[in-house]
Amino acid sequence: QVQLVESGGGLVQAGGSLRLSCAASGNIASLNFMGWYRQAPGKQREFVALIAEEGTTDYADYVKGRFTISRDNAKNTVYLQMNSLKSDDAAVYFCFLSTHGSNHWGQGTQVTVSS
């Protein structure tokens, strides 16, 4: 069983920064992907960023240049540094881990951006 625990969400002014963290525990293969999706009210969940175990990254176009994903393999933890936040970035951010052919999700952490 895999568990994901997110932290770091909160309220920030537009233009500000937040750093999200997600710690994974349980039966995790050495080869895996970790990353983030987000879901705003009334919208579908959308991809934000992912990082492979060896460090390869991918970003959605709407966060490129503003968000940076990183991970600490020793801690099975993934981070999302979010800079220059906009009102459109407000959403619940969900951490995911893809391992052993299955996807696992965290409970989500709320990011609110005030203008």
N, C-alpha and C. Protein backbone atom coordinates (compact mmCIF):
# COMPACT_ATOMS: atom_id res chain seq x y z
N GLN A 1 0.85 -1.18 0.00
CA GLN A 1 0.00 0.00 0.00
C GLN A 1 0.89 1.24 0.00
N VAL A 2 0.46 2.25 -0.78
CA VAL A 2 1.22 3.49 -0.89
C VAL A 2 0.41 4.62 -0.28
N GLN A 3 1.06 5.45 0.48
CA GLN A 3 0.41 6.64 1.05
C GLN A 3 1.19 7.89 0.63
N LEU A 4 0.45 8.95 0.32
CA LEU A 4 1.03 10.23 -0.06
C LEU A 4 0.47 11.30 0.85
N VAL A 5 1.35 12.10 1.42
CA VAL A 5 0.93 13.17 2.33
C VAL A 5 1.48 14.49 1.82
N GLU A 6 0.57 15.39 1.45
CA GLU A 6 0.96 16.69 0.92
C GLU A 6 0.98 17.74 2.02
N SER A 7 1.77 18.77 1.80
CA SER A 7 1.79 19.92 2.70
C SER A 7 2.27 21.14 1.93
N GLY A 8 2.04 22.31 2.52
CA GLY A 8 2.59 23.53 1.94
C GLY A 8 1.59 24.45 1.26
N GLY A 9 0.35 24.02 1.12
CA GLY A 9 -0.63 24.89 0.50
C GLY A 9 -0.99 26.04 1.42
N GLY A 10 -1.74 26.99 0.88
CA GLY A 10 -2.15 28.13 1.70
C GLY A 10 -2.60 29.29 0.85
N LEU A 11 -2.66 30.44 1.49
CA LEU A 11 -3.09 31.67 0.84
C LEU A 11 -1.88 32.51 0.50
N VAL A 12 -1.84 33.01 -0.72
CA VAL A 12 -0.71 33.84 -1.15
C VAL A 12 -1.24 34.93 -2.07
N GLN A 13 -0.59 36.06 -2.06
CA GLN A 13 -0.97 37.13 -2.97
C GLN A 13 -0.47 36.83 -4.38
N ALA A 14 -1.17 37.35 -5.36
CA ALA A 14 -0.72 37.21 -6.74
C ALA A 14 0.70 37.74 -6.87
N GLY A 15 1.53 36.98 -7.56
CA GLY A 15 2.93 37.33 -7.70
C GLY A 15 3.82 36.69 -6.66
N GLY A 16 3.21 36.10 -5.66
CA GLY A 16 3.95 35.47 -4.58
C GLY A 16 4.36 34.05 -4.90
N SER A 17 4.90 33.37 -3.87
CA SER A 17 5.43 32.02 -4.05
C SER A 17 4.93 31.09 -2.95
N LEU A 18 4.86 29.83 -3.30
CA LEU A 18 4.58 28.76 -2.34
C LEU A 18 5.39 27.54 -2.73
N ARG A 19 5.67 26.71 -1.74
CA ARG A 19 6.36 25.46 -2.00
C ARG A 19 5.54 24.31 -1.44
N LEU A 20 5.14 23.41 -2.31
CA LEU A 20 4.40 22.23 -1.91
C LEU A 20 5.35 21.05 -1.73
N SER A 21 5.00 20.19 -0.79
CA SER A 21 5.76 18.97 -0.56
C SER A 21 4.82 17.79 -0.54
N CYS A 22 5.34 16.64 -0.92
CA CYS A 22 4.54 15.41 -0.89
C CYS A 22 5.48 14.26 -0.53
N ALA A 23 5.19 13.62 0.58
CA ALA A 23 6.01 12.50 1.04
C ALA A 23 5.27 11.20 0.80
N ALA A 24 5.94 10.27 0.16
CA ALA A 24 5.36 8.97 -0.15
C ALA A 24 5.94 7.91 0.77
N SER A 25 5.12 6.94 1.11
CA SER A 25 5.57 5.82 1.92
C SER A 25 4.85 4.56 1.46
N GLY A 26 5.43 3.41 1.78
CA GLY A 26 4.81 2.15 1.41
C GLY A 26 5.62 1.40 0.38
N ASN A 27 4.94 0.60 -0.42
CA ASN A 27 5.56 -0.27 -1.41
C ASN A 27 5.85 0.52 -2.70
N ILE A 28 7.04 1.10 -2.75
CA ILE A 28 7.40 1.96 -3.87
C ILE A 28 8.57 1.35 -4.62
N ALA A 29 8.39 1.19 -5.92
CA ALA A 29 9.47 0.65 -6.75
C ALA A 29 10.54 1.71 -6.95
N SER A 30 11.74 1.26 -7.25
CA SER A 30 12.83 2.20 -7.45
C SER A 30 12.62 3.03 -8.71
N LEU A 31 11.93 2.47 -9.70
CA LEU A 31 11.62 3.23 -10.90
C LEU A 31 10.20 3.76 -10.79
N ASN A 32 10.06 5.06 -10.73
CA ASN A 32 8.72 5.60 -10.57
C ASN A 32 8.69 7.06 -11.03
N PHE A 33 7.49 7.56 -11.16
CA PHE A 33 7.27 8.97 -11.45
C PHE A 33 6.50 9.58 -10.29
N MET A 34 6.83 10.80 -9.99
CA MET A 34 6.05 11.58 -9.02
C MET A 34 5.72 12.93 -9.64
N GLY A 35 4.64 13.51 -9.18
CA GLY A 35 4.29 14.80 -9.75
C GLY A 35 3.04 15.38 -9.15
N TRP A 36 2.48 16.35 -9.89
CA TRP A 36 1.35 17.12 -9.39
C TRP A 36 0.31 17.34 -10.48
N TYR A 37 -0.92 17.26 -10.08
CA TYR A 37 -2.06 17.71 -10.84
C TYR A 37 -2.76 18.77 -9.99
N ARG A 38 -3.68 19.47 -10.62
CA ARG A 38 -4.49 20.43 -9.87
C ARG A 38 -5.91 20.45 -10.39
N GLN A 39 -6.82 20.88 -9.52
CA GLN A 39 -8.22 20.97 -9.91
C GLN A 39 -8.84 22.20 -9.29
N ALA A 40 -9.31 23.08 -10.15
CA ALA A 40 -10.01 24.28 -9.71
C ALA A 40 -11.51 24.00 -9.67
N PRO A 41 -12.26 24.76 -8.91
CA PRO A 41 -13.72 24.54 -8.82
C PRO A 41 -14.37 24.57 -10.19
N GLY A 42 -15.17 23.56 -10.48
CA GLY A 42 -15.89 23.50 -11.73
C GLY A 42 -15.06 23.09 -12.93
N LYS A 43 -13.80 22.74 -12.70
CA LYS A 43 -12.92 22.36 -13.80
C LYS A 43 -12.40 20.94 -13.61
N GLN A 44 -11.93 20.37 -14.70
CA GLN A 44 -11.35 19.04 -14.61
C GLN A 44 -9.95 19.11 -14.01
N ARG A 45 -9.54 18.00 -13.46
CA ARG A 45 -8.18 17.91 -12.94
C ARG A 45 -7.21 18.02 -14.11
N GLU A 46 -6.16 18.82 -13.94
CA GLU A 46 -5.22 19.02 -15.03
C GLU A 46 -3.79 18.79 -14.56
N PHE A 47 -2.98 18.38 -15.50
CA PHE A 47 -1.58 18.08 -15.24
C PHE A 47 -0.80 19.36 -14.95
N VAL A 48 0.14 19.28 -14.00
CA VAL A 48 1.00 20.41 -13.69
C VAL A 48 2.46 20.07 -14.02
N ALA A 49 2.98 19.03 -13.39
CA ALA A 49 4.39 18.69 -13.60
C ALA A 49 4.65 17.28 -13.10
N LEU A 50 5.70 16.67 -13.63
CA LEU A 50 6.13 15.38 -13.13
C LEU A 50 7.65 15.29 -13.18
N ILE A 51 8.16 14.36 -12.39
CA ILE A 51 9.61 14.12 -12.37
C ILE A 51 9.84 12.63 -12.23
N ALA A 52 10.72 12.12 -13.05
CA ALA A 52 11.08 10.70 -12.98
C ALA A 52 12.12 10.48 -11.90
N GLU A 53 12.31 9.22 -11.59
CA GLU A 53 13.24 8.87 -10.51
C GLU A 53 14.64 9.37 -10.80
N GLU A 54 15.03 9.40 -12.08
CA GLU A 54 16.38 9.84 -12.42
C GLU A 54 16.49 11.34 -12.62
N GLY A 55 15.34 12.04 -12.52
CA GLY A 55 15.37 13.50 -12.56
C GLY A 55 14.79 14.15 -13.79
N THR A 56 14.40 13.37 -14.79
CA THR A 56 13.76 13.96 -15.98
C THR A 56 12.44 14.62 -15.58
N THR A 57 12.21 15.81 -16.10
CA THR A 57 11.00 16.55 -15.72
C THR A 57 10.14 16.88 -16.94
N ASP A 58 8.88 17.18 -16.67
CA ASP A 58 7.96 17.64 -17.69
C ASP A 58 6.99 18.59 -17.02
N TYR A 59 6.61 19.64 -17.75
CA TYR A 59 5.72 20.66 -17.22
C TYR A 59 4.60 20.97 -18.19
N ALA A 60 3.48 21.34 -17.63
CA ALA A 60 2.42 21.91 -18.46
C ALA A 60 2.87 23.28 -18.93
N ASP A 61 2.44 23.65 -20.13
CA ASP A 61 2.86 24.93 -20.70
C ASP A 61 2.51 26.12 -19.81
N TYR A 62 1.38 26.03 -19.12
CA TYR A 62 0.90 27.18 -18.37
C TYR A 62 1.67 27.39 -17.06
N VAL A 63 2.60 26.50 -16.72
CA VAL A 63 3.43 26.71 -15.53
C VAL A 63 4.91 26.78 -15.85
N LYS A 64 5.27 26.52 -17.09
CA LYS A 64 6.69 26.55 -17.46
C LYS A 64 7.30 27.91 -17.18
N GLY A 65 8.48 27.89 -16.60
CA GLY A 65 9.17 29.13 -16.27
C GLY A 65 8.77 29.71 -14.93
N ARG A 66 7.69 29.21 -14.33
CA ARG A 66 7.24 29.72 -13.04
C ARG A 66 7.32 28.65 -11.94
N PHE A 67 7.05 27.41 -12.30
CA PHE A 67 7.05 26.31 -11.33
C PHE A 67 8.28 25.43 -11.57
N THR A 68 8.80 24.89 -10.47
CA THR A 68 9.93 23.97 -10.56
C THR A 68 9.64 22.75 -9.70
N ILE A 69 9.73 21.58 -10.32
CA ILE A 69 9.53 20.34 -9.59
C ILE A 69 10.89 19.72 -9.27
N SER A 70 10.99 19.13 -8.09
CA SER A 70 12.21 18.46 -7.68
C SER A 70 11.84 17.31 -6.76
N ARG A 71 12.81 16.47 -6.47
CA ARG A 71 12.51 15.34 -5.59
C ARG A 71 13.75 14.95 -4.80
N ASP A 72 13.50 14.32 -3.67
CA ASP A 72 14.53 13.74 -2.83
C ASP A 72 14.25 12.25 -2.76
N ASN A 73 14.99 11.47 -3.52
CA ASN A 73 14.71 10.04 -3.60
C ASN A 73 14.92 9.34 -2.27
N ALA A 74 15.87 9.80 -1.50
CA ALA A 74 16.13 9.18 -0.20
C ALA A 74 14.92 9.32 0.73
N LYS A 75 14.16 10.38 0.53
CA LYS A 75 12.99 10.64 1.37
C LYS A 75 11.69 10.33 0.66
N ASN A 76 11.76 9.86 -0.59
CA ASN A 76 10.55 9.62 -1.40
C ASN A 76 9.63 10.83 -1.35
N THR A 77 10.21 11.99 -1.53
CA THR A 77 9.46 13.24 -1.43
C THR A 77 9.64 14.05 -2.71
N VAL A 78 8.53 14.62 -3.15
CA VAL A 78 8.55 15.50 -4.31
C VAL A 78 8.12 16.89 -3.87
N TYR A 79 8.72 17.88 -4.51
CA TYR A 79 8.44 19.28 -4.17
C TYR A 79 7.96 20.02 -5.41
N LEU A 80 7.18 21.05 -5.18
CA LEU A 80 6.77 21.93 -6.27
C LEU A 80 6.95 23.37 -5.80
N GLN A 81 7.96 24.02 -6.34
CA GLN A 81 8.19 25.42 -6.05
C GLN A 81 7.39 26.24 -7.05
N MET A 82 6.49 27.05 -6.54
CA MET A 82 5.59 27.83 -7.39
C MET A 82 5.89 29.31 -7.19
N ASN A 83 6.33 29.94 -8.24
CA ASN A 83 6.65 31.38 -8.21
C ASN A 83 5.73 32.14 -9.14
N SER A 84 5.67 33.43 -8.95
CA SER A 84 4.85 34.30 -9.80
C SER A 84 3.43 33.77 -9.93
N LEU A 85 2.85 33.43 -8.80
CA LEU A 85 1.52 32.83 -8.82
C LEU A 85 0.46 33.80 -9.34
N LYS A 86 -0.47 33.23 -10.08
CA LYS A 86 -1.56 33.99 -10.68
C LYS A 86 -2.88 33.47 -10.10
N SER A 87 -3.94 34.23 -10.32
CA SER A 87 -5.25 33.79 -9.85
C SER A 87 -5.65 32.47 -10.50
N ASP A 88 -5.22 32.26 -11.74
CA ASP A 88 -5.55 31.01 -12.44
C ASP A 88 -4.87 29.79 -11.82
N ASP A 89 -3.87 30.02 -10.98
CA ASP A 89 -3.19 28.90 -10.33
C ASP A 89 -3.94 28.40 -9.09
N ALA A 90 -4.93 29.13 -8.65
CA ALA A 90 -5.69 28.72 -7.47
C ALA A 90 -6.42 27.41 -7.75
N ALA A 91 -6.20 26.44 -6.89
CA ALA A 91 -6.78 25.11 -7.09
C ALA A 91 -6.39 24.22 -5.92
N VAL A 92 -6.97 23.04 -5.91
CA VAL A 92 -6.47 21.99 -5.02
C VAL A 92 -5.39 21.25 -5.80
N TYR A 93 -4.22 21.13 -5.20
CA TYR A 93 -3.10 20.47 -5.85
C TYR A 93 -2.96 19.05 -5.28
N PHE A 94 -2.93 18.11 -6.21
CA PHE A 94 -2.85 16.71 -5.84
C PHE A 94 -1.50 16.13 -6.24
N CYS A 95 -0.86 15.49 -5.32
CA CYS A 95 0.37 14.78 -5.59
C CYS A 95 0.04 13.40 -6.15
N PHE A 96 0.84 12.90 -7.06
CA PHE A 96 0.66 11.53 -7.52
C PHE A 96 2.00 10.80 -7.57
N LEU A 97 1.88 9.49 -7.49
CA LEU A 97 3.04 8.61 -7.61
C LEU A 97 2.63 7.46 -8.52
N SER A 98 3.41 7.24 -9.53
CA SER A 98 3.17 6.14 -10.44
C SER A 98 4.25 5.09 -10.20
N THR A 99 3.84 3.93 -9.74
CA THR A 99 4.79 2.87 -9.40
C THR A 99 4.13 1.52 -9.54
N HIS A 100 4.91 0.52 -9.91
CA HIS A 100 4.37 -0.84 -10.09
C HIS A 100 3.16 -0.83 -11.02
N GLY A 101 3.14 0.08 -12.00
CA GLY A 101 2.04 0.11 -12.96
C GLY A 101 0.75 0.71 -12.45
N SER A 102 0.78 1.30 -11.27
CA SER A 102 -0.44 1.90 -10.70
C SER A 102 -0.18 3.35 -10.31
N ASN A 103 -1.24 4.13 -10.34
CA ASN A 103 -1.15 5.52 -9.91
C ASN A 103 -1.77 5.67 -8.52
N HIS A 104 -1.12 6.44 -7.70
CA HIS A 104 -1.59 6.70 -6.34
C HIS A 104 -1.69 8.20 -6.14
N TRP A 105 -2.67 8.62 -5.36
CA TRP A 105 -2.94 10.04 -5.20
C TRP A 105 -2.97 10.45 -3.74
N GLY A 106 -2.54 11.68 -3.51
CA GLY A 106 -2.69 12.27 -2.19
C GLY A 106 -4.07 12.87 -2.02
N GLN A 107 -4.34 13.41 -0.85
CA GLN A 107 -5.65 13.97 -0.53
C GLN A 107 -5.82 15.37 -1.11
N GLY A 108 -4.74 16.01 -1.46
CA GLY A 108 -4.81 17.36 -2.03
C GLY A 108 -4.51 18.43 -1.00
N THR A 109 -3.96 19.52 -1.49
CA THR A 109 -3.69 20.68 -0.64
C THR A 109 -4.16 21.93 -1.38
N GLN A 110 -4.85 22.80 -0.67
CA GLN A 110 -5.47 23.96 -1.29
C GLN A 110 -4.47 25.09 -1.47
N VAL A 111 -4.47 25.64 -2.67
CA VAL A 111 -3.69 26.85 -2.96
C VAL A 111 -4.67 27.94 -3.34
N THR A 112 -4.65 29.03 -2.60
CA THR A 112 -5.52 30.16 -2.85
C THR A 112 -4.66 31.37 -3.19
N VAL A 113 -5.01 32.05 -4.27
CA VAL A 113 -4.24 33.21 -4.72
C VAL A 113 -5.15 34.43 -4.68
N SER A 114 -4.76 35.41 -3.91
CA SER A 114 -5.55 36.63 -3.79
C SER A 114 -4.98 37.70 -4.72
N SER A 115 -5.88 38.48 -5.29
CA SER A 115 -5.44 39.54 -6.23
C SER A 115 -5.32 40.87 -5.52
